Protein backbone atom coordinates (compact mmCIF):
# COMPACT_ATOMS: atom_id res chain seq x y z
CA MET A 1 0.18 -0.22 0.11
CA LYS A 2 0.94 3.65 -0.73
CA LEU A 3 0.45 5.71 1.66
CA THR A 4 0.73 9.70 1.52
CA ASN A 5 1.07 12.67 3.44
CA LYS A 6 -1.16 15.48 1.10
CA TYR A 7 -1.52 17.13 5.05
CA ASN A 8 2.11 17.28 6.29
CA LEU A 9 1.13 15.52 9.35
CA PRO A 10 4.18 14.97 11.90
CA GLN A 11 6.97 12.73 10.79
CA PRO A 12 6.60 10.37 13.20
CA ILE A 13 2.63 9.22 12.73
CA LEU A 14 4.08 9.18 9.05
CA ASP A 15 6.59 6.71 10.70
CA PHE A 16 4.42 4.91 12.28
CA PHE A 17 1.71 4.21 9.47
CA GLU A 18 4.36 2.66 7.53
CA SER A 19 5.56 0.32 10.26
CA LYS A 20 2.09 -1.27 10.18
CA ASN A 21 1.82 -0.82 6.18
CA ARG A 22 2.81 -4.42 5.60
CA ARG A 23 1.25 -7.13 3.30
CA HIS A 24 0.45 -10.24 5.43
CA THR A 25 1.72 -13.29 4.22
CA ASP A 26 1.57 -15.80 6.26
CA ALA A 27 -2.01 -16.99 6.03
CA TYR A 28 -4.67 -17.27 3.46
CA ALA A 29 -6.74 -15.03 5.77
CA SER A 30 -7.59 -13.28 8.77
CA VAL A 31 -11.07 -13.45 10.32
CA THR A 32 -11.61 -9.66 9.78
CA GLY A 33 -11.08 -10.70 5.80
CA LEU A 34 -13.46 -13.64 6.25
CA ILE A 35 -15.98 -11.14 7.67
CA HIS A 36 -15.92 -9.00 4.77
CA GLY A 37 -17.20 -9.86 1.14
CA ALA A 38 -15.17 -12.32 -0.76
CA ARG A 39 -14.42 -9.53 -3.72
CA GLU A 40 -13.19 -6.81 -0.65
CA THR A 41 -10.63 -9.37 0.37
CA ILE A 42 -9.58 -10.28 -2.50
CA LEU A 43 -9.45 -7.49 -4.53
CA THR A 44 -7.27 -6.06 -1.58
CA ASP A 45 -5.13 -8.99 -1.52
CA ARG A 46 -4.53 -8.71 -5.57
CA HIS A 47 -3.85 -4.93 -5.67
CA PHE A 48 -2.49 -4.30 -2.32
CA ASP A 49 1.16 -2.68 -3.56
CA ASP A 50 -1.25 -0.45 -5.37
CA ILE A 51 -3.63 0.66 -2.91
CA VAL A 52 -3.24 4.67 -2.18
CA LYS A 53 -4.25 5.21 1.01
CA ASP A 54 -3.61 9.01 2.87
CA VAL A 55 -2.40 9.12 6.92
CA SER A 56 -5.10 11.26 8.20
CA ASP A 57 -7.73 8.39 7.11
CA MET A 58 -6.15 5.90 9.03
CA LEU A 59 -6.09 8.35 12.50
CA PRO A 60 -9.10 6.65 13.75
CA SER A 61 -7.17 3.75 14.15
CA LEU A 62 -4.35 5.29 16.26
CA MET A 63 -6.73 5.46 19.17
CA GLY A 64 -7.49 1.43 18.68
CA THR A 65 -3.77 1.19 18.36
CA ALA A 66 -3.49 2.83 21.62
CA VAL A 67 -5.81 1.20 23.61
CA HIS A 68 -4.07 -1.77 22.71
CA ASP A 69 -1.05 -1.23 23.64
CA VAL A 70 -1.89 -0.13 26.59
CA LEU A 71 -4.13 -3.58 27.19
CA GLU A 72 -0.98 -5.45 26.10
CA GLN A 73 1.27 -3.43 29.46
CA TYR A 74 -1.17 -5.39 32.16
CA SER A 75 -0.85 -8.89 30.54
CA SER A 76 -0.35 -10.87 33.78
CA SER A 77 -0.59 -15.42 34.32
CA GLU A 78 -4.83 -14.55 35.01
CA ILE A 79 -5.48 -11.89 31.88
CA ILE A 80 -4.09 -12.14 27.97
CA THR A 81 -3.89 -9.61 25.84
CA GLU A 82 -3.69 -9.45 22.26
CA LYS A 83 -3.99 -13.30 21.84
CA GLU A 84 -2.47 -15.20 18.27
CA LEU A 85 -5.06 -17.55 16.95
CA LEU A 86 -4.46 -20.00 14.63
CA ILE A 87 -6.71 -22.58 12.78
CA THR A 88 -6.40 -25.17 9.65
CA VAL A 89 -9.71 -24.79 7.44
CA LEU A 90 -10.07 -26.77 4.13
CA GLY A 91 -6.21 -26.77 3.97
CA HIS A 92 -5.36 -22.84 4.58
CA ASN A 93 -4.62 -20.78 7.72
CA ILE A 94 -7.37 -18.41 9.26
CA THR A 95 -5.92 -15.90 11.62
CA GLY A 96 -7.17 -13.66 14.14
CA LYS A 97 -6.27 -11.74 17.16
CA ALA A 98 -7.70 -11.74 20.58
CA ASP A 99 -7.23 -8.15 22.26
CA VAL A 100 -8.61 -9.91 26.25
CA ILE A 101 -8.71 -12.84 27.30
CA ASP A 102 -9.87 -13.33 30.96
CA ILE A 103 -8.52 -16.81 32.37
CA GLY A 104 -10.35 -17.28 35.54
CA SER A 105 -13.81 -15.61 34.06
CA ARG A 106 -14.10 -17.49 31.13
CA THR A 107 -14.23 -14.17 29.50
CA LEU A 108 -12.98 -13.13 26.05
CA SER A 109 -13.42 -8.97 25.43
CA ASP A 110 -12.79 -7.27 22.35
CA TYR A 111 -12.07 -3.17 22.09
CA LYS A 112 -13.74 -0.82 19.58
CA ASN A 113 -13.86 2.67 18.80
CA LYS A 114 -17.78 4.09 17.82
CA LYS A 115 -18.80 7.02 17.70
CA VAL A 116 -21.93 8.03 20.01
CA ALA A 117 -24.26 7.87 16.65
CA ALA A 118 -23.10 4.62 15.70
CA MET A 119 -24.60 2.86 18.40
CA TYR A 120 -28.03 4.05 17.45
CA TYR A 121 -28.06 1.47 14.80
CA ASP A 122 -25.21 -0.86 14.87
CA ASP A 123 -26.53 -4.01 14.59
CA ARG A 124 -23.43 -6.09 16.13
CA ILE A 125 -23.66 -8.72 13.81
CA ASP A 126 -20.23 -8.53 12.58
CA VAL A 127 -18.37 -8.28 16.39
CA THR A 128 -20.72 -11.44 17.34
CA LYS A 129 -19.08 -13.11 13.99
CA GLN A 130 -15.93 -12.62 14.74
CA LEU A 131 -16.08 -12.68 18.54
CA ASN A 132 -17.62 -16.23 17.54
CA ALA A 133 -14.71 -17.19 16.02
CA TYR A 134 -12.14 -16.26 18.18
CA ARG A 135 -13.68 -18.58 20.88
CA TYR A 136 -13.82 -21.40 18.44
CA MET A 137 -10.17 -20.84 17.65
CA TYR A 138 -9.14 -20.52 21.39
CA PRO A 139 -7.45 -23.79 22.93
CA GLY A 140 -8.98 -23.07 26.12
CA ARG A 141 -12.54 -23.04 27.77
CA ILE A 142 -14.95 -19.50 26.59
CA ASP A 143 -17.93 -18.96 28.51
CA ARG A 144 -18.58 -15.52 27.97
CA LEU A 145 -18.13 -12.93 24.92
CA GLU A 146 -18.07 -9.39 25.09
CA VAL A 147 -17.60 -5.80 22.86
CA CYS A 148 -16.46 -2.70 24.71
CA TYR A 149 -17.12 0.27 22.62
CA LEU A 150 -14.92 2.91 23.19
CA LEU A 151 -17.31 6.18 22.23
CA LYS A 152 -14.28 8.47 21.24
CA ASP A 153 -16.62 11.98 20.12
CA TRP A 154 -18.13 11.19 23.98
CA SER A 155 -19.94 14.30 26.00
CA GLU A 156 -20.35 15.29 29.24
CA GLY A 157 -22.87 18.31 28.01
CA MET A 158 -24.62 15.87 25.50
CA LYS A 159 -25.37 13.32 28.62
CA LEU A 160 -27.14 16.80 30.56
CA LYS A 161 -29.13 17.39 27.27
CA LYS A 162 -30.51 13.95 26.12
CA SER A 163 -32.33 10.77 28.08
CA ASP A 164 -31.03 8.47 25.93
CA TYR A 165 -27.02 9.96 25.29
CA PRO A 166 -24.73 7.40 27.29
CA GLU A 167 -24.06 7.22 30.43
CA ALA A 168 -19.93 7.11 29.81
CA PRO A 169 -17.75 7.17 27.42
CA MET A 170 -17.67 3.24 27.55
CA LEU A 171 -20.68 0.89 26.73
CA ARG A 172 -20.23 -3.04 27.28
CA PHE A 173 -22.39 -5.64 25.72
CA ASN A 174 -22.24 -9.56 26.14
CA ILE A 175 -22.09 -11.12 22.45
CA PRO A 176 -24.45 -14.55 22.07
CA LEU A 177 -22.48 -17.42 21.81
CA HIS A 178 -22.60 -19.57 19.24
CA ASP A 179 -22.86 -23.13 18.90
CA TYR A 180 -19.64 -24.69 17.90
CA ASN A 181 -20.59 -26.54 14.53
CA ASP A 182 -22.59 -23.12 13.22
CA VAL A 183 -19.03 -21.09 14.02
CA MET A 184 -16.89 -24.10 11.93
CA LEU A 185 -19.55 -24.16 9.46
CA TRP A 186 -19.21 -20.79 9.12
CA PHE A 187 -15.55 -20.84 8.59
CA THR A 188 -15.60 -23.68 5.95
CA GLU A 189 -18.41 -21.21 3.79
CA ARG A 190 -17.04 -18.47 3.71
CA VAL A 191 -13.04 -20.28 3.21
CA GLN A 192 -14.91 -22.26 0.67
CA ALA A 193 -16.25 -19.06 -1.56
CA LEU A 194 -12.46 -17.31 -1.35
CA ILE A 195 -11.12 -21.02 -3.12
CA ASP A 196 -14.47 -20.47 -5.59
CA CYS A 197 -13.06 -17.19 -6.76
CA GLU A 198 -9.36 -17.18 -6.93
CA ASN A 199 -9.25 -17.87 -10.81
CA LEU A 200 -11.93 -15.23 -11.43
CA SER A 201 -11.40 -11.84 -13.26
CA ASP A 202 -11.64 -8.94 -11.10
CA ASP A 203 -14.93 -7.46 -12.44
CA ASP A 204 -16.53 -11.04 -11.95
CA LEU A 205 -16.03 -11.31 -8.55
CA PRO A 206 -19.22 -11.80 -6.82
CA LEU A 207 -20.49 -8.32 -5.43
CA CYS A 208 -20.66 -8.05 -1.71
CA SER A 209 -23.69 -8.80 0.19
CA ASP A 210 -26.15 -5.63 1.01
CA HIS A 211 -24.58 -5.66 4.63
CA GLU A 212 -21.15 -5.62 3.49
CA ARG A 213 -21.78 -2.24 1.72
CA TRP A 214 -23.25 -0.77 4.40
CA HIS A 215 -25.91 -0.63 1.83
CA ARG A 216 -28.74 2.71 2.76
CA PRO A 217 -32.09 1.81 0.89
CA ASP A 218 -34.10 4.66 -0.99
CA LYS A 219 -36.18 6.59 1.21
CA TYR A 220 -38.98 8.54 0.18
CA ALA A 221 -39.40 12.19 2.03
CA VAL A 222 -42.88 14.02 2.49
CA ILE A 223 -42.24 17.90 2.86
CA LYS A 224 -44.14 20.60 2.85
CA ARG A 225 -43.06 23.06 0.45
CA GLY A 226 -40.63 25.46 1.48
CA ARG A 227 -39.86 23.73 4.60
CA LYS A 228 -36.71 21.55 4.82
CA ARG A 229 -37.26 18.95 7.54
CA ALA A 230 -39.51 16.16 6.00
CA SER A 231 -42.74 15.10 7.96
CA ALA A 232 -42.37 11.40 7.38
CA VAL A 233 -39.91 9.42 5.88
CA LEU A 234 -41.32 6.51 4.33
CA ASN A 235 -39.64 3.25 2.60
CA SER A 236 -41.44 3.36 -0.96
CA LYS A 237 -43.45 5.81 -2.76
CA ALA A 238 -46.54 3.93 -2.21
CA GLU A 239 -45.71 4.50 1.50
CA ALA A 240 -45.31 7.92 0.97
CA GLU A 241 -48.52 8.44 -1.17
CA ALA A 242 -51.12 6.75 1.00
CA TYR A 243 -49.27 8.46 3.90
CA ILE A 244 -50.30 12.26 2.08
CA VAL A 245 -54.32 10.95 1.25
CA ASP A 246 -54.23 8.67 5.03
CA ARG A 247 -53.41 12.92 6.67
CA LYS A 248 -55.55 14.29 4.06
CA LEU A 249 -52.86 16.70 3.13
CA ASP A 250 -53.30 19.03 0.41
CA ASP A 251 -50.86 19.69 -2.91
CA GLN A 252 -48.98 21.98 -0.42
CA TYR A 253 -46.86 18.75 0.27
CA LYS A 254 -44.42 16.92 -1.63
CA ILE A 255 -42.62 13.79 -1.95
CA THR A 256 -39.12 13.34 -2.40
CA HIS A 257 -36.90 10.11 -3.28
CA ARG A 258 -33.95 9.87 -1.73
CA PRO A 259 -31.61 7.77 -3.46
CA GLY A 260 -29.95 5.15 -1.47
CA GLU A 261 -26.12 4.27 -1.83
CA ASP A 262 -23.44 2.30 -0.99
CA VAL A 263 -21.97 4.26 2.41
CA LYS A 264 -18.50 1.87 2.27
CA CYS A 265 -18.08 1.41 -0.91
CA LYS A 266 -18.15 5.27 -1.16
CA ARG A 267 -15.99 6.34 1.20
CA PHE A 268 -14.56 3.67 3.34
CA CYS A 269 -13.31 0.32 0.75
CA ASP A 270 -9.57 0.92 0.38
CA CYS A 271 -9.79 -1.03 -2.61
CA ARG A 272 -12.77 0.79 -4.49
CA HIS A 273 -10.86 2.01 -7.06
CA PHE A 274 -10.14 -1.49 -8.25
CA CYS A 275 -13.88 -2.51 -7.97
CA SER A 276 -16.17 -2.19 -11.44
CA HIS A 277 -19.14 -2.13 -8.79
CA TYR A 278 -17.24 1.22 -7.55
CA ARG A 279 -17.25 2.92 -11.14
CA GLN A 280 -19.77 2.05 -11.24
CA LEU A 281 -21.89 4.39 -9.18
CA ILE A 282 -19.76 6.80 -9.44
CA ASP A 283 -20.79 6.64 -13.73
CA ASN A 284 -24.44 7.01 -12.31
CA ALA A 285 -23.41 10.08 -9.94
CA ASN A 286 -22.32 11.38 -12.94
CA VAL A 287 -24.97 10.27 -15.32
CA GLU A 288 -27.76 12.14 -13.04
CA LYS A 289 -25.82 15.51 -12.35
CA LEU A 290 -26.05 15.93 -16.07
């Protein structure tokens, strides 16, 4: 990966990310790679040396690294931190790294940085897959899984203003335990998906799922003319039309289509410039501007 520094950030910051900028060749895939779509994982691997990323876009990960470094300092006979994990699936090595394992309570914990706003729609689907995969890979017994969210933009002032605002800048959630047979099946299916794609061209790789693309569906807003805020936002035009009829709204109200978008594809996927789906999104956006 080629790193740029267009905002002239301090040299130690650049040096840090340069030290982390390496292709992992010790395994076929990581658990994180299996959670991603096969297209994203394979395109990232194929084009790793040509991907360009600015260090300013990597700054959020710096806080996560700092937290992990602090945790690692307090490892003990009862607390294992940054535990490297490895299993073989269909003849291929799969790696993972558990943040914290408490031997006494048999708890595996993961620490993640989040914005407060993200907590309101976080479904914890991916972290559930991740931690159950780590539980399966760990040779000892794990009876409890948890994720600890560090809220990087938490505000004492907002806590006083909003009743549903988090009480503290860290939230902890228990993660449900999955049956080992189901986890092994998940590993097998995800690795097989990568194997099946190995000889496909970039453009023929299967499209990532809606969940993997962080897809937001189309919405239809009912707005009174002259106002910016919608009276209602519905999932279809028919629902929006029914809303107007049911409430006997006059012609002062209009329906505005809010196109959906693939949030990850447009802004957060490292390999997007090598992806035909991203190119199509950009082409469609340019056409709409004409």
